Amino acid sequence: MIAADGALTQTVRPSSAAARVDDMADSSPVVVVGATGGQGGAVLDALLEAGFPVRAVVRDAVSSKAARLADRGVELAVGDIVSGSGLTEAFTGSAGVFALTTPFESGVEAEIGQGRALIEAATSASIPYLVFSSVASADRQTAVPHFDSKFEDEQMLAATEIPHTIVGPAYFFDNLLGGA
């Protein structure tokens, strides 16, 4: 979330989270939700470049995008953030999870449901850490529908015991490229 002075803030619970991540980081994969998209794909690339094992949550393990990930040594896990199907299994045994939600396929109410499904799976899998990608100013009552839905997801996450950080990008440079 963004603080009143414009600084990016983070929420971390409990204090043993860092130790648990350190214990698992050598062999357990980091799970990336949205790995075949722009934001999740960039996170996946950075993790691979840093030498971390990665497990990508994909809807279709035989898609061309999923095949390209597998060719790069990425473990694939079939899961769906809309229904929640496969997410607990995908998250189990991970070093942590990077997740995002999107209103652009099914609307803002669906995005809130995606957040709920991700949180339920993260809780069931007892993940050691979650990085949730929201949007800058989600907490400022902007009346932008997908900002409001992301803030609702942030509030649901904050009400849990899941150790987490919320990042709030303001804009993506790729947006300037018009999908190129």
C-alpha atoms as a PDB file:
ATOM      1  CA  MET A   1       0.000   0.000   0.000  1.00  0.00           C
ATOM      2  CA  ILE A   2       1.053   3.569  -0.385  1.00  0.00           C
ATOM      3  CA  ALA A   3       1.478   5.703   2.738  1.00  0.00           C
ATOM      4  CA  ALA A   4       0.242   9.288   2.980  1.00  0.00           C
ATOM      5  CA  ASP A   5       3.733  10.538   2.111  1.00  0.00           C
ATOM      6  CA  GLY A   6       3.745   8.443  -1.066  1.00  0.00           C
ATOM      7  CA  ALA A   7       6.131   5.784   0.248  1.00  0.00           C
ATOM      8  CA  LEU A   8       5.437   2.136  -0.519  1.00  0.00           C
ATOM      9  CA  THR A   9       4.605   0.278   2.689  1.00  0.00           C
ATOM     10  CA  GLN A  10       4.683  -3.387   3.479  1.00  0.00           C
ATOM     11  CA  THR A  11       3.016  -5.658   5.965  1.00  0.00           C
ATOM     12  CA  VAL A  12       4.920  -8.620   7.379  1.00  0.00           C
ATOM     13  CA  ARG A  13       3.590 -11.247   9.781  1.00  0.00           C
ATOM     14  CA  PRO A  14       4.849 -13.119  11.806  1.00  0.00           C
ATOM     15  CA  SER A  15       8.485 -12.279  12.600  1.00  0.00           C
ATOM     16  CA  SER A  16       9.595 -15.852  11.878  1.00  0.00           C
ATOM     17  CA  ALA A  17       8.581 -15.489   8.215  1.00  0.00           C
ATOM     18  CA  ALA A  18      12.060 -14.522   7.007  1.00  0.00           C
ATOM     19  CA  ALA A  19      13.617 -17.520   8.732  1.00  0.00           C
ATOM     20  CA  ARG A  20      11.079 -19.863   7.151  1.00  0.00           C
ATOM     21  CA  VAL A  21      11.771 -18.426   3.690  1.00  0.00           C
ATOM     22  CA  ASP A  22      15.539 -18.805   4.222  1.00  0.00           C
ATOM     23  CA  ASP A  23      15.049 -22.422   5.254  1.00  0.00           C
ATOM     24  CA  MET A  24      13.134 -23.259   2.071  1.00  0.00           C
ATOM     25  CA  ALA A  25      14.792 -21.022  -0.507  1.00  0.00           C
ATOM     26  CA  ASP A  26      17.584 -23.434  -1.423  1.00  0.00           C
ATOM     27  CA  SER A  27      15.367 -26.157  -2.836  1.00  0.00           C
ATOM     28  CA  SER A  28      11.695 -25.203  -2.757  1.00  0.00           C
ATOM     29  CA  PRO A  29      10.257 -23.333  -5.717  1.00  0.00           C
ATOM     30  CA  VAL A  30       8.779 -19.881  -5.653  1.00  0.00           C
ATOM     31  CA  VAL A  31       5.266 -20.044  -7.097  1.00  0.00           C
ATOM     32  CA  VAL A  32       4.276 -17.434  -9.656  1.00  0.00           C
ATOM     33  CA  VAL A  33       0.610 -16.825 -10.426  1.00  0.00           C
ATOM     34  CA  GLY A  34       0.161 -15.148 -13.805  1.00  0.00           C
ATOM     35  CA  ALA A  35       3.475 -16.484 -15.108  1.00  0.00           C
ATOM     36  CA  THR A  36       2.335 -16.446 -18.736  1.00  0.00           C
ATOM     37  CA  GLY A  37       1.342 -12.774 -18.541  1.00  0.00           C
ATOM     38  CA  GLY A  38       3.354  -9.585 -18.510  1.00  0.00           C
ATOM     39  CA  GLN A  39       3.685  -8.938 -14.781  1.00  0.00           C
ATOM     40  CA  GLY A  40       3.973 -12.525 -13.610  1.00  0.00           C
ATOM     41  CA  GLY A  41       6.262 -13.302 -16.535  1.00  0.00           C
ATOM     42  CA  ALA A  42       8.627 -10.506 -15.524  1.00  0.00           C
ATOM     43  CA  VAL A  43       8.697 -11.829 -11.945  1.00  0.00           C
ATOM     44  CA  LEU A  44       9.365 -15.346 -13.230  1.00  0.00           C
ATOM     45  CA  ASP A  45      12.225 -14.083 -15.436  1.00  0.00           C
ATOM     46  CA  ALA A  46      13.825 -12.247 -12.509  1.00  0.00           C
ATOM     47  CA  LEU A  47      13.544 -15.283 -10.239  1.00  0.00           C
ATOM     48  CA  LEU A  48      15.105 -17.585 -12.831  1.00  0.00           C
ATOM     49  CA  GLU A  49      17.892 -15.084 -13.489  1.00  0.00           C
ATOM     50  CA  ALA A  50      18.598 -14.993  -9.747  1.00  0.00           C
ATOM     51  CA  GLY A  51      18.817 -18.799  -9.700  1.00  0.00           C
ATOM     52  CA  PHE A  52      15.590 -19.601  -7.878  1.00  0.00           C
ATOM     53  CA  PRO A  53      13.536 -22.654  -8.833  1.00  0.00           C
ATOM     54  CA  VAL A  54      10.108 -21.567 -10.061  1.00  0.00           C
ATOM     55  CA  ARG A  55       6.704 -23.239 -10.202  1.00  0.00           C
ATOM     56  CA  ALA A  56       4.282 -21.491 -12.564  1.00  0.00           C
ATOM     57  CA  VAL A  57       0.534 -21.692 -12.049  1.00  0.00           C
ATOM     58  CA  VAL A  58      -1.016 -22.107 -15.490  1.00  0.00           C
ATOM     59  CA  ARG A  59      -4.570 -22.788 -16.595  1.00  0.00           C
ATOM     60  CA  ASP A  60      -3.499 -25.008 -19.488  1.00  0.00           C
ATOM     61  CA  ALA A  61      -0.304 -27.043 -19.126  1.00  0.00           C
ATOM     62  CA  VAL A  62      -0.224 -27.864 -22.841  1.00  0.00           C
ATOM     63  CA  SER A  63      -0.540 -24.300 -24.127  1.00  0.00           C
ATOM     64  CA  SER A  64       2.340 -22.896 -26.148  1.00  0.00           C
ATOM     65  CA  LYS A  65       3.129 -20.356 -23.396  1.00  0.00           C
ATOM     66  CA  ALA A  66       3.244 -23.104 -20.754  1.00  0.00           C
ATOM     67  CA  ALA A  67       5.441 -25.247 -23.004  1.00  0.00           C
ATOM     68  CA  ARG A  68       7.930 -22.379 -23.343  1.00  0.00           C
ATOM     69  CA  LEU A  69       8.081 -22.108 -19.560  1.00  0.00           C
ATOM     70  CA  ALA A  70       8.636 -25.846 -19.188  1.00  0.00           C
ATOM     71  CA  ASP A  71      11.418 -25.660 -21.790  1.00  0.00           C
ATOM     72  CA  ARG A  72      13.141 -23.140 -19.499  1.00  0.00           C
ATOM     73  CA  GLY A  73      13.028 -25.577 -16.572  1.00  0.00           C
ATOM     74  CA  VAL A  74       9.968 -24.117 -14.885  1.00  0.00           C
ATOM     75  CA  GLU A  75       7.777 -26.573 -13.010  1.00  0.00           C
ATOM     76  CA  LEU A  76       4.144 -26.271 -14.119  1.00  0.00           C
ATOM     77  CA  ALA A  77       1.134 -26.545 -11.831  1.00  0.00           C
ATOM     78  CA  VAL A  78      -2.379 -26.379 -13.217  1.00  0.00           C
ATOM     79  CA  GLY A  79      -4.548 -24.000 -11.242  1.00  0.00           C
ATOM     80  CA  ASP A  80      -7.322 -21.474 -11.678  1.00  0.00           C
ATOM     81  CA  ILE A  81      -7.575 -18.277  -9.636  1.00  0.00           C
ATOM     82  CA  VAL A  82     -11.271 -17.917 -10.496  1.00  0.00           C
ATOM     83  CA  SER A  83     -12.414 -21.265  -9.110  1.00  0.00           C
ATOM     84  CA  GLY A  84      -9.442 -21.855  -6.818  1.00  0.00           C
ATOM     85  CA  SER A  85      -8.996 -25.288  -8.352  1.00  0.00           C
ATOM     86  CA  GLY A  86      -5.438 -26.587  -8.010  1.00  0.00           C
ATOM     87  CA  LEU A  87      -4.100 -23.590  -6.089  1.00  0.00           C
ATOM     88  CA  THR A  88      -3.547 -25.317  -2.742  1.00  0.00           C
ATOM     89  CA  GLU A  89      -1.642 -28.079  -4.492  1.00  0.00           C
ATOM     90  CA  ALA A  90       0.378 -25.539  -6.475  1.00  0.00           C
ATOM     91  CA  PHE A  91       1.292 -23.585  -3.331  1.00  0.00           C
ATOM     92  CA  THR A  92       2.136 -26.577  -1.115  1.00  0.00           C
ATOM     93  CA  GLY A  93       5.836 -26.973  -0.395  1.00  0.00           C
ATOM     94  CA  SER A  94       6.785 -23.638  -1.918  1.00  0.00           C
ATOM     95  CA  ALA A  95       9.290 -21.099  -0.623  1.00  0.00           C
ATOM     96  CA  GLY A  96       6.706 -18.396  -1.269  1.00  0.00           C
ATOM     97  CA  VAL A  97       4.121 -17.133  -3.729  1.00  0.00           C
ATOM     98  CA  PHE A  98       3.845 -14.117  -6.024  1.00  0.00           C
ATOM     99  CA  ALA A  99       0.180 -13.538  -6.868  1.00  0.00           C
ATOM    100  CA  LEU A 100      -2.036 -11.054  -8.602  1.00  0.00           C
ATOM    101  CA  THR A 101      -5.701 -10.717  -9.438  1.00  0.00           C
ATOM    102  CA  THR A 102      -7.341  -9.232 -12.494  1.00  0.00           C
ATOM    103  CA  PRO A 103     -10.718  -7.631 -13.162  1.00  0.00           C
ATOM    104  CA  PHE A 104     -10.168  -7.564 -16.911  1.00  0.00           C
ATOM    105  CA  GLU A 105     -11.511 -11.016 -17.743  1.00  0.00           C
ATOM    106  CA  SER A 106     -14.647 -11.219 -15.608  1.00  0.00           C
ATOM    107  CA  GLY A 107     -15.086  -7.935 -13.708  1.00  0.00           C
ATOM    108  CA  VAL A 108     -14.360  -6.530 -10.298  1.00  0.00           C
ATOM    109  CA  GLU A 109     -16.584  -8.930  -8.347  1.00  0.00           C
ATOM    110  CA  ALA A 110     -14.685 -11.813  -9.923  1.00  0.00           C
ATOM    111  CA  GLU A 111     -11.419 -10.157  -8.894  1.00  0.00           C
ATOM    112  CA  ILE A 112     -12.550 -10.156  -5.265  1.00  0.00           C
ATOM    113  CA  GLY A 113     -13.351 -13.850  -5.648  1.00  0.00           C
ATOM    114  CA  GLN A 114      -9.879 -14.445  -7.080  1.00  0.00           C
ATOM    115  CA  GLY A 115      -8.362 -12.792  -4.022  1.00  0.00           C
ATOM    116  CA  ARG A 116     -10.473 -14.964  -1.760  1.00  0.00           C
ATOM    117  CA  ALA A 117      -9.409 -18.127  -3.654  1.00  0.00           C
ATOM    118  CA  LEU A 118      -5.727 -17.170  -3.452  1.00  0.00           C
ATOM    119  CA  ILE A 119      -5.956 -16.425   0.274  1.00  0.00           C
ATOM    120  CA  GLU A 120      -7.818 -19.661   1.019  1.00  0.00           C
ATOM    121  CA  ALA A 121      -5.217 -21.683  -0.903  1.00  0.00           C
ATOM    122  CA  ALA A 122      -2.318 -19.826   0.738  1.00  0.00           C
ATOM    123  CA  THR A 123      -3.814 -20.535   4.158  1.00  0.00           C
ATOM    124  CA  SER A 124      -4.461 -24.207   3.373  1.00  0.00           C
ATOM    125  CA  ALA A 125      -0.939 -24.667   2.008  1.00  0.00           C
ATOM    126  CA  SER A 126       0.627 -22.799   4.951  1.00  0.00           C
ATOM    127  CA  ILE A 127       2.816 -20.806   2.599  1.00  0.00           C
ATOM    128  CA  PRO A 128       5.757 -19.083   4.257  1.00  0.00           C
ATOM    129  CA  TYR A 129       5.323 -15.788   2.373  1.00  0.00           C
ATOM    130  CA  LEU A 130       3.038 -14.079  -0.142  1.00  0.00           C
ATOM    131  CA  VAL A 131       3.834 -11.107  -2.354  1.00  0.00           C
ATOM    132  CA  PHE A 132       0.542  -9.691  -3.598  1.00  0.00           C
ATOM    133  CA  SER A 133       0.496  -7.274  -6.501  1.00  0.00           C
ATOM    134  CA  SER A 134      -2.212  -4.664  -6.090  1.00  0.00           C
ATOM    135  CA  VAL A 135      -2.248  -1.102  -7.442  1.00  0.00           C
ATOM    136  CA  ALA A 136      -0.988   2.225  -6.137  1.00  0.00           C
ATOM    137  CA  SER A 137      -3.676   4.244  -4.341  1.00  0.00           C
ATOM    138  CA  ALA A 138      -6.006   1.275  -3.919  1.00  0.00           C
ATOM    139  CA  ASP A 139      -6.665   2.484  -0.388  1.00  0.00           C
ATOM    140  CA  ARG A 140      -7.574   6.047  -1.374  1.00  0.00           C
ATOM    141  CA  GLN A 141     -11.228   5.591  -2.363  1.00  0.00           C
ATOM    142  CA  THR A 142     -10.571   6.651  -5.949  1.00  0.00           C
ATOM    143  CA  ALA A 143     -13.915   5.317  -7.235  1.00  0.00           C
ATOM    144  CA  VAL A 144     -11.940   3.425  -9.883  1.00  0.00           C
ATOM    145  CA  PRO A 145     -13.695   0.048  -9.737  1.00  0.00           C
ATOM    146  CA  HIS A 146     -10.621  -2.160 -10.118  1.00  0.00           C
ATOM    147  CA  PHE A 147      -8.718  -0.081  -7.520  1.00  0.00           C
ATOM    148  CA  ASP A 148     -11.576  -0.679  -5.088  1.00  0.00           C
ATOM    149  CA  SER A 149     -11.610  -4.431  -5.769  1.00  0.00           C
ATOM    150  CA  LYS A 150      -7.864  -4.659  -5.247  1.00  0.00           C
ATOM    151  CA  PHE A 151      -8.228  -2.786  -1.958  1.00  0.00           C
ATOM    152  CA  GLU A 152     -10.861  -5.287  -0.882  1.00  0.00           C
ATOM    153  CA  ASP A 153      -8.378  -8.075  -1.660  1.00  0.00           C
ATOM    154  CA  GLU A 154      -5.712  -6.196   0.344  1.00  0.00           C
ATOM    155  CA  GLN A 155      -8.065  -5.947   3.321  1.00  0.00           C
ATOM    156  CA  MET A 156      -8.885  -9.660   3.166  1.00  0.00           C
ATOM    157  CA  LEU A 157      -5.171 -10.481   3.120  1.00  0.00           C
ATOM    158  CA  ALA A 158      -4.398  -8.099   5.992  1.00  0.00           C
ATOM    159  CA  ALA A 159      -7.013  -9.879   8.117  1.00  0.00           C
ATOM    160  CA  THR A 160      -5.082 -13.167   7.855  1.00  0.00           C
ATOM    161  CA  GLU A 161      -1.963 -14.481   9.534  1.00  0.00           C
ATOM    162  CA  ILE A 162      -0.261 -14.994   6.161  1.00  0.00           C
ATOM    163  CA  PRO A 163       3.153 -13.297   6.131  1.00  0.00           C
ATOM    164  CA  HIS A 164       2.977 -10.937   3.168  1.00  0.00           C
ATOM    165  CA  THR A 165       4.021  -7.868   1.282  1.00  0.00           C
ATOM    166  CA  ILE A 166       1.661  -5.858  -0.901  1.00  0.00           C
ATOM    167  CA  VAL A 167       3.210  -4.068  -3.851  1.00  0.00           C
ATOM    168  CA  GLY A 168       1.316  -1.262  -5.550  1.00  0.00           C
ATOM    169  CA  PRO A 169       2.564  -0.484  -9.042  1.00  0.00           C
ATOM    170  CA  ALA A 170       1.245   2.798 -10.406  1.00  0.00           C
ATOM    171  CA  TYR A 171       1.750   2.066 -14.099  1.00  0.00           C
ATOM    172  CA  PHE A 172       3.561  -0.374 -16.338  1.00  0.00           C
ATOM    173  CA  PHE A 173       5.919   0.845 -19.029  1.00  0.00           C
ATOM    174  CA  ASP A 174       4.556  -1.906 -21.275  1.00  0.00           C
ATOM    175  CA  ASN A 175       1.236  -0.040 -21.298  1.00  0.00           C
ATOM    176  CA  LEU A 176       2.953   2.653 -23.366  1.00  0.00           C
ATOM    177  CA  LEU A 177       3.851   0.062 -25.967  1.00  0.00           C
ATOM    178  CA  GLY A 178       0.204  -0.708 -26.679  1.00  0.00           C
ATOM    179  CA  GLY A 179       0.571  -4.453 -26.210  1.00  0.00           C
ATOM    180  CA  ALA A 180       3.524  -4.701 -28.584  1.00  0.00           C
END
